[in-house]
């Protein structure tokens, strides 16, 4: 399956990767489709809302640490210059909170000059700020 085919599949937003995907399990789903290894296997179904997702991220030391640990455990290496299909951490508008716009670091999939990410409306490819953390998916 190509990355474009993966992105174009019907995806539903669901916290915790059960019956759909959130931003983290969307990227894990790509890794699974590409390599038959699921970096989120032990996370799926363990949280069901934003608070649960935040608790998972806090326990792991943040999104970069979580993604790095999960991908590293499967043998994927960190890279400085991500290529199409690699997983990276990007900064994205995720909604609004009491202070205004909520911008968070989330995992995305490198897709040409863009990053494919999961939103509440489904997958989208956008020009997002790359944080410098990425892993080669091969």
N, C-alpha and C. Protein backbone atom coordinates (compact mmCIF):
# COMPACT_ATOMS: atom_id res chain seq x y z
N UNK A 1 0.84 -1.18 0.00
CA UNK A 1 0.00 0.00 0.00
C UNK A 1 0.89 1.24 0.00
N UNK A 2 0.54 2.20 -0.83
CA UNK A 2 1.28 3.46 -0.84
C UNK A 2 0.76 4.38 0.26
N UNK A 3 1.53 5.39 0.57
CA UNK A 3 1.10 6.36 1.58
C UNK A 3 -0.17 7.07 1.11
N UNK A 4 -0.23 7.44 -0.15
CA UNK A 4 -1.43 8.11 -0.65
C UNK A 4 -2.66 7.21 -0.51
N UNK A 5 -2.51 5.93 -0.80
CA UNK A 5 -3.63 5.00 -0.63
C UNK A 5 -4.05 4.92 0.84
N UNK A 6 -3.06 4.88 1.74
CA UNK A 6 -3.37 4.83 3.17
C UNK A 6 -4.15 6.07 3.61
N UNK A 7 -3.69 7.24 3.20
CA UNK A 7 -4.34 8.49 3.59
C UNK A 7 -5.77 8.55 3.05
N UNK A 8 -5.97 8.05 1.84
CA UNK A 8 -7.29 8.13 1.20
C UNK A 8 -8.29 7.09 1.74
N UNK A 9 -7.83 6.14 2.51
CA UNK A 9 -8.77 5.18 3.10
C UNK A 9 -9.74 5.91 4.02
N UNK A 10 -10.92 5.34 4.23
CA UNK A 10 -11.83 5.98 5.20
C UNK A 10 -11.28 5.80 6.62
N UNK A 11 -11.03 6.90 7.27
CA UNK A 11 -10.54 6.91 8.65
C UNK A 11 -11.56 7.67 9.50
N UNK A 12 -11.83 7.16 10.70
CA UNK A 12 -12.71 7.83 11.65
C UNK A 12 -11.89 8.26 12.86
N UNK A 13 -12.22 9.42 13.39
CA UNK A 13 -11.56 9.88 14.61
C UNK A 13 -12.14 9.11 15.80
N UNK A 14 -11.28 8.44 16.53
CA UNK A 14 -11.64 7.74 17.76
C UNK A 14 -10.42 7.75 18.67
N UNK A 15 -10.59 8.22 19.87
CA UNK A 15 -9.50 8.18 20.84
C UNK A 15 -9.12 6.73 21.11
N UNK A 16 -7.84 6.47 21.19
CA UNK A 16 -7.35 5.16 21.61
C UNK A 16 -7.27 4.10 20.55
N UNK A 17 -7.58 4.43 19.31
CA UNK A 17 -7.35 3.50 18.21
C UNK A 17 -8.30 2.32 18.14
N UNK A 18 -9.46 2.41 18.73
CA UNK A 18 -10.44 1.32 18.65
C UNK A 18 -11.63 1.81 17.82
N UNK A 19 -11.85 1.19 16.66
CA UNK A 19 -12.93 1.62 15.78
C UNK A 19 -12.63 2.89 15.03
N UNK A 20 -11.40 3.30 15.03
CA UNK A 20 -10.93 4.52 14.38
C UNK A 20 -9.57 4.89 14.94
N UNK A 21 -9.12 6.09 14.64
CA UNK A 21 -7.78 6.50 15.06
C UNK A 21 -7.75 7.93 15.56
N UNK A 22 -6.83 8.18 16.49
CA UNK A 22 -6.48 9.54 16.86
C UNK A 22 -5.16 9.86 16.15
N UNK A 23 -4.55 10.98 16.46
CA UNK A 23 -3.34 11.37 15.72
C UNK A 23 -2.19 10.38 15.90
N UNK A 24 -2.08 9.78 17.06
CA UNK A 24 -0.99 8.84 17.31
C UNK A 24 -1.26 7.48 16.68
N UNK A 25 -2.45 6.96 16.85
CA UNK A 25 -2.73 5.64 16.29
C UNK A 25 -2.87 5.68 14.77
N UNK A 26 -3.18 6.85 14.19
CA UNK A 26 -3.19 7.02 12.73
C UNK A 26 -1.79 6.76 12.18
N UNK A 27 -0.77 7.34 12.81
CA UNK A 27 0.61 7.11 12.38
C UNK A 27 1.02 5.66 12.63
N UNK A 28 0.61 5.11 13.75
CA UNK A 28 0.92 3.71 14.04
C UNK A 28 0.27 2.80 13.01
N UNK A 29 -0.92 3.16 12.57
CA UNK A 29 -1.60 2.38 11.53
C UNK A 29 -0.83 2.36 10.23
N UNK A 30 -0.19 3.49 9.90
CA UNK A 30 0.65 3.55 8.71
C UNK A 30 1.85 2.62 8.86
N UNK A 31 2.48 2.64 10.02
CA UNK A 31 3.62 1.75 10.27
C UNK A 31 3.17 0.30 10.13
N UNK A 32 2.02 -0.02 10.69
CA UNK A 32 1.48 -1.38 10.61
C UNK A 32 1.22 -1.77 9.15
N UNK A 33 0.62 -0.89 8.38
CA UNK A 33 0.32 -1.17 6.97
C UNK A 33 1.61 -1.36 6.16
N UNK A 34 2.63 -0.62 6.51
CA UNK A 34 3.90 -0.64 5.77
C UNK A 34 4.79 -1.82 6.17
N UNK A 35 4.78 -2.17 7.47
CA UNK A 35 5.79 -3.10 7.98
C UNK A 35 5.21 -4.32 8.69
N UNK A 36 3.91 -4.34 8.93
CA UNK A 36 3.25 -5.39 9.71
C UNK A 36 3.67 -5.39 11.18
N UNK A 37 4.22 -4.28 11.65
CA UNK A 37 4.56 -4.08 13.06
C UNK A 37 3.71 -2.93 13.59
N UNK A 38 3.01 -3.14 14.70
CA UNK A 38 2.13 -2.12 15.26
C UNK A 38 2.76 -1.49 16.49
N UNK A 39 3.30 -0.28 16.34
CA UNK A 39 3.93 0.36 17.50
C UNK A 39 2.94 0.76 18.60
N UNK A 40 1.65 0.78 18.29
CA UNK A 40 0.65 1.17 19.29
C UNK A 40 -0.15 -0.02 19.82
N UNK A 41 0.31 -1.23 19.55
CA UNK A 41 -0.46 -2.42 19.94
C UNK A 41 -0.83 -2.40 21.42
N UNK A 42 0.10 -2.03 22.29
CA UNK A 42 -0.17 -2.05 23.72
C UNK A 42 -0.92 -0.82 24.22
N UNK A 43 -1.13 0.16 23.35
CA UNK A 43 -1.88 1.36 23.73
C UNK A 43 -3.34 1.32 23.30
N UNK A 44 -3.61 0.60 22.22
CA UNK A 44 -4.97 0.60 21.66
C UNK A 44 -5.98 0.11 22.71
N UNK A 45 -7.01 0.92 22.89
CA UNK A 45 -8.06 0.56 23.83
C UNK A 45 -7.75 0.86 25.29
N UNK A 46 -6.64 1.54 25.56
CA UNK A 46 -6.30 1.84 26.95
C UNK A 46 -6.71 3.24 27.37
N UNK A 47 -7.16 4.06 26.42
CA UNK A 47 -7.67 5.40 26.73
C UNK A 47 -8.80 5.72 25.75
N UNK A 48 -9.71 6.59 26.19
CA UNK A 48 -10.92 6.83 25.41
C UNK A 48 -11.30 8.29 25.26
N UNK A 49 -10.41 9.19 25.72
CA UNK A 49 -10.70 10.62 25.61
C UNK A 49 -9.38 11.40 25.68
N UNK A 50 -9.48 12.72 25.56
CA UNK A 50 -8.29 13.57 25.58
C UNK A 50 -7.54 13.46 26.89
N UNK A 51 -8.24 13.37 28.00
CA UNK A 51 -7.58 13.25 29.31
C UNK A 51 -6.78 11.94 29.38
N UNK A 52 -7.36 10.87 28.88
CA UNK A 52 -6.65 9.59 28.87
C UNK A 52 -5.41 9.64 27.98
N UNK A 53 -5.54 10.29 26.82
CA UNK A 53 -4.39 10.44 25.93
C UNK A 53 -3.29 11.27 26.60
N UNK A 54 -3.69 12.34 27.27
CA UNK A 54 -2.70 13.19 27.97
C UNK A 54 -2.00 12.40 29.07
N UNK A 55 -2.72 11.55 29.76
CA UNK A 55 -2.11 10.73 30.83
C UNK A 55 -1.07 9.78 30.23
N UNK A 56 -1.37 9.19 29.08
CA UNK A 56 -0.41 8.30 28.41
C UNK A 56 0.84 9.10 28.03
N UNK A 57 0.64 10.28 27.45
CA UNK A 57 1.78 11.11 27.04
C UNK A 57 2.62 11.55 28.23
N UNK A 58 1.97 11.97 29.31
CA UNK A 58 2.71 12.39 30.51
C UNK A 58 3.53 11.23 31.07
N UNK A 59 2.93 10.06 31.17
CA UNK A 59 3.63 8.89 31.72
C UNK A 59 4.84 8.52 30.88
N UNK A 60 4.77 8.78 29.57
CA UNK A 60 5.88 8.44 28.67
C UNK A 60 6.94 9.53 28.60
N UNK A 61 6.64 10.71 29.16
CA UNK A 61 7.60 11.81 29.09
C UNK A 61 7.37 12.74 27.91
N UNK A 62 6.19 12.67 27.30
CA UNK A 62 5.86 13.54 26.17
C UNK A 62 5.71 12.76 24.88
N UNK A 63 5.17 13.44 23.88
CA UNK A 63 4.89 12.76 22.61
C UNK A 63 6.16 12.27 21.92
N UNK A 64 7.22 13.06 21.93
CA UNK A 64 8.47 12.63 21.30
C UNK A 64 9.06 11.40 21.96
N UNK A 65 9.02 11.39 23.29
CA UNK A 65 9.54 10.24 24.02
C UNK A 65 8.69 9.00 23.76
N UNK A 66 7.36 9.17 23.74
CA UNK A 66 6.48 8.03 23.48
C UNK A 66 6.73 7.45 22.09
N UNK A 67 6.71 8.30 21.08
CA UNK A 67 6.89 7.82 19.71
C UNK A 67 8.28 7.23 19.54
N UNK A 68 9.29 7.88 20.10
CA UNK A 68 10.65 7.35 20.02
C UNK A 68 10.80 5.99 20.65
N UNK A 69 10.18 5.81 21.81
CA UNK A 69 10.27 4.52 22.50
C UNK A 69 9.55 3.43 21.70
N UNK A 70 8.36 3.74 21.20
CA UNK A 70 7.58 2.74 20.46
C UNK A 70 8.25 2.37 19.15
N UNK A 71 8.75 3.36 18.40
CA UNK A 71 9.39 3.07 17.12
C UNK A 71 10.79 2.47 17.32
N UNK A 72 11.51 2.95 18.31
CA UNK A 72 12.83 2.40 18.61
C UNK A 72 12.77 0.94 19.00
N UNK A 73 11.75 0.57 19.77
CA UNK A 73 11.59 -0.82 20.19
C UNK A 73 11.38 -1.76 19.00
N UNK A 74 10.89 -1.21 17.89
CA UNK A 74 10.68 -2.01 16.68
C UNK A 74 11.85 -1.93 15.72
N UNK A 75 12.91 -1.21 16.12
CA UNK A 75 14.12 -1.14 15.29
C UNK A 75 14.20 0.03 14.34
N UNK A 76 13.25 0.97 14.40
CA UNK A 76 13.29 2.12 13.51
C UNK A 76 14.26 3.17 14.06
N UNK A 77 15.03 3.78 13.19
CA UNK A 77 16.09 4.70 13.59
C UNK A 77 15.67 6.16 13.45
N UNK A 78 16.21 7.00 14.34
CA UNK A 78 16.00 8.45 14.24
C UNK A 78 16.72 8.97 13.01
N UNK A 79 16.13 9.97 12.37
CA UNK A 79 16.74 10.62 11.21
C UNK A 79 16.60 12.13 11.37
N UNK A 80 17.50 12.86 10.74
CA UNK A 80 17.45 14.32 10.78
C UNK A 80 16.60 14.90 9.65
N UNK A 81 16.61 14.22 8.51
CA UNK A 81 15.87 14.71 7.35
C UNK A 81 14.87 13.64 6.90
N UNK A 82 13.64 13.75 7.39
CA UNK A 82 12.64 12.74 7.06
C UNK A 82 12.31 12.70 5.57
N UNK A 83 12.00 11.49 5.11
CA UNK A 83 11.58 11.26 3.74
C UNK A 83 10.12 10.83 3.76
N UNK A 84 9.52 10.80 2.58
CA UNK A 84 8.12 10.37 2.48
C UNK A 84 7.92 9.05 3.22
N UNK A 85 6.88 9.00 4.04
CA UNK A 85 6.54 7.80 4.78
C UNK A 85 7.14 7.73 6.18
N UNK A 86 8.12 8.58 6.48
CA UNK A 86 8.70 8.60 7.82
C UNK A 86 7.74 9.26 8.80
N UNK A 87 7.89 8.91 10.07
CA UNK A 87 7.08 9.51 11.14
C UNK A 87 7.89 10.61 11.80
N UNK A 88 7.28 11.77 11.96
CA UNK A 88 7.95 12.89 12.62
C UNK A 88 6.99 13.58 13.57
N UNK A 89 7.55 14.39 14.44
CA UNK A 89 6.74 15.18 15.36
C UNK A 89 6.62 16.58 14.77
N UNK A 90 5.37 17.04 14.65
CA UNK A 90 5.08 18.34 14.06
C UNK A 90 4.24 19.16 15.03
N UNK A 91 4.27 20.45 14.83
CA UNK A 91 3.47 21.36 15.65
C UNK A 91 2.21 21.70 14.86
N UNK A 92 1.03 21.48 15.48
CA UNK A 92 -0.23 21.68 14.77
C UNK A 92 -1.28 22.31 15.67
N UNK A 93 -2.15 23.07 15.04
CA UNK A 93 -3.32 23.60 15.72
C UNK A 93 -4.27 22.43 15.99
N UNK A 94 -4.60 22.20 17.25
CA UNK A 94 -5.45 21.06 17.59
C UNK A 94 -6.82 21.47 18.12
N UNK A 95 -7.07 22.77 18.19
CA UNK A 95 -8.36 23.23 18.67
C UNK A 95 -8.21 24.53 19.43
N UNK A 96 -9.12 24.74 20.35
CA UNK A 96 -9.14 25.95 21.15
C UNK A 96 -9.26 25.58 22.61
N UNK A 97 -8.68 26.41 23.46
CA UNK A 97 -8.84 26.23 24.89
C UNK A 97 -9.11 27.60 25.52
N UNK A 98 -9.08 27.68 26.83
CA UNK A 98 -9.40 28.93 27.52
C UNK A 98 -8.46 30.06 27.14
N UNK A 99 -7.24 29.73 26.71
CA UNK A 99 -6.26 30.74 26.35
C UNK A 99 -6.30 31.10 24.86
N UNK A 100 -7.17 30.47 24.10
CA UNK A 100 -7.24 30.74 22.66
C UNK A 100 -6.91 29.50 21.87
N UNK A 101 -6.05 29.66 20.87
CA UNK A 101 -5.66 28.54 20.01
C UNK A 101 -4.83 27.52 20.79
N UNK A 102 -5.13 26.25 20.59
CA UNK A 102 -4.36 25.17 21.22
C UNK A 102 -3.44 24.58 20.16
N UNK A 103 -2.15 24.76 20.33
CA UNK A 103 -1.14 24.22 19.43
C UNK A 103 -0.36 23.17 20.19
N UNK A 104 -0.23 21.98 19.59
CA UNK A 104 0.46 20.88 20.27
C UNK A 104 1.42 20.20 19.30
N UNK A 105 2.36 19.49 19.87
CA UNK A 105 3.23 18.62 19.10
C UNK A 105 2.53 17.28 18.95
N UNK A 106 2.39 16.82 17.71
CA UNK A 106 1.71 15.56 17.42
C UNK A 106 2.53 14.79 16.38
N UNK A 107 2.33 13.48 16.28
CA UNK A 107 3.01 12.73 15.23
C UNK A 107 2.32 12.93 13.88
N UNK A 108 3.13 12.95 12.84
CA UNK A 108 2.62 13.05 11.47
C UNK A 108 3.46 12.16 10.56
N UNK A 109 2.98 11.98 9.35
CA UNK A 109 3.67 11.16 8.35
C UNK A 109 4.14 12.08 7.24
N UNK A 110 5.43 12.07 6.96
CA UNK A 110 5.99 12.92 5.90
C UNK A 110 5.37 12.54 4.56
N UNK A 111 4.87 13.54 3.85
CA UNK A 111 4.15 13.33 2.59
C UNK A 111 4.53 14.46 1.64
N UNK A 112 5.64 14.26 0.91
CA UNK A 112 6.15 15.33 0.06
C UNK A 112 6.56 16.50 0.93
N UNK A 113 6.17 17.72 0.57
CA UNK A 113 6.51 18.88 1.41
C UNK A 113 5.55 19.05 2.59
N UNK A 114 4.58 18.15 2.70
CA UNK A 114 3.53 18.26 3.71
C UNK A 114 3.69 17.17 4.77
N UNK A 115 2.81 17.22 5.76
CA UNK A 115 2.72 16.19 6.80
C UNK A 115 1.28 15.71 6.85
N UNK A 116 1.08 14.40 6.79
CA UNK A 116 -0.25 13.82 6.92
C UNK A 116 -0.52 13.59 8.40
N UNK A 117 -1.63 14.11 8.88
CA UNK A 117 -2.01 13.98 10.27
C UNK A 117 -3.50 13.63 10.34
N UNK A 118 -3.91 13.10 11.47
CA UNK A 118 -5.32 12.78 11.68
C UNK A 118 -5.97 13.94 12.42
N UNK A 119 -7.11 14.36 11.92
CA UNK A 119 -7.88 15.41 12.59
C UNK A 119 -9.25 14.85 12.93
N UNK A 120 -10.03 15.61 13.65
CA UNK A 120 -11.38 15.18 13.99
C UNK A 120 -12.23 14.97 12.73
N UNK A 121 -11.84 15.59 11.63
CA UNK A 121 -12.57 15.43 10.36
C UNK A 121 -11.96 14.37 9.46
N UNK A 122 -10.92 13.72 9.93
CA UNK A 122 -10.25 12.70 9.13
C UNK A 122 -8.84 13.13 8.77
N UNK A 123 -8.16 12.33 7.95
CA UNK A 123 -6.78 12.65 7.59
C UNK A 123 -6.70 13.93 6.77
N UNK A 124 -5.63 14.65 6.95
CA UNK A 124 -5.35 15.80 6.11
C UNK A 124 -3.85 15.94 5.96
N UNK A 125 -3.43 16.53 4.85
CA UNK A 125 -2.02 16.80 4.59
C UNK A 125 -1.85 18.31 4.60
N UNK A 126 -0.93 18.78 5.45
CA UNK A 126 -0.74 20.22 5.63
C UNK A 126 0.74 20.55 5.76
N UNK A 127 1.05 21.79 5.47
CA UNK A 127 2.39 22.30 5.74
C UNK A 127 2.44 22.62 7.23
N UNK A 128 3.20 21.85 7.98
CA UNK A 128 3.29 22.02 9.43
C UNK A 128 4.74 22.17 9.84
N UNK A 129 4.95 22.78 10.98
CA UNK A 129 6.31 22.97 11.50
C UNK A 129 6.87 21.66 12.04
N UNK A 130 7.98 21.22 11.45
CA UNK A 130 8.67 20.02 11.90
C UNK A 130 9.52 20.36 13.11
N UNK A 131 9.44 19.55 14.16
CA UNK A 131 10.15 19.85 15.42
C UNK A 131 11.59 19.34 15.43
N UNK A 132 11.97 18.54 14.45
CA UNK A 132 13.31 17.97 14.42
C UNK A 132 13.39 16.54 14.87
N UNK A 133 12.28 15.96 15.33
CA UNK A 133 12.25 14.54 15.72
C UNK A 133 11.58 13.73 14.63
N UNK A 134 12.29 12.74 14.10
CA UNK A 134 11.71 11.87 13.06
C UNK A 134 12.38 10.51 13.07
N UNK A 135 11.65 9.52 12.55
CA UNK A 135 12.13 8.14 12.49
C UNK A 135 11.89 7.57 11.10
N UNK A 136 12.89 6.89 10.58
CA UNK A 136 12.76 6.25 9.27
C UNK A 136 11.95 4.99 9.38
N UNK A 137 10.91 4.89 8.58
CA UNK A 137 10.05 3.70 8.54
C UNK A 137 10.45 2.90 7.32
N UNK A 138 11.13 1.81 7.55
CA UNK A 138 11.63 0.99 6.42
C UNK A 138 11.43 -0.48 6.73
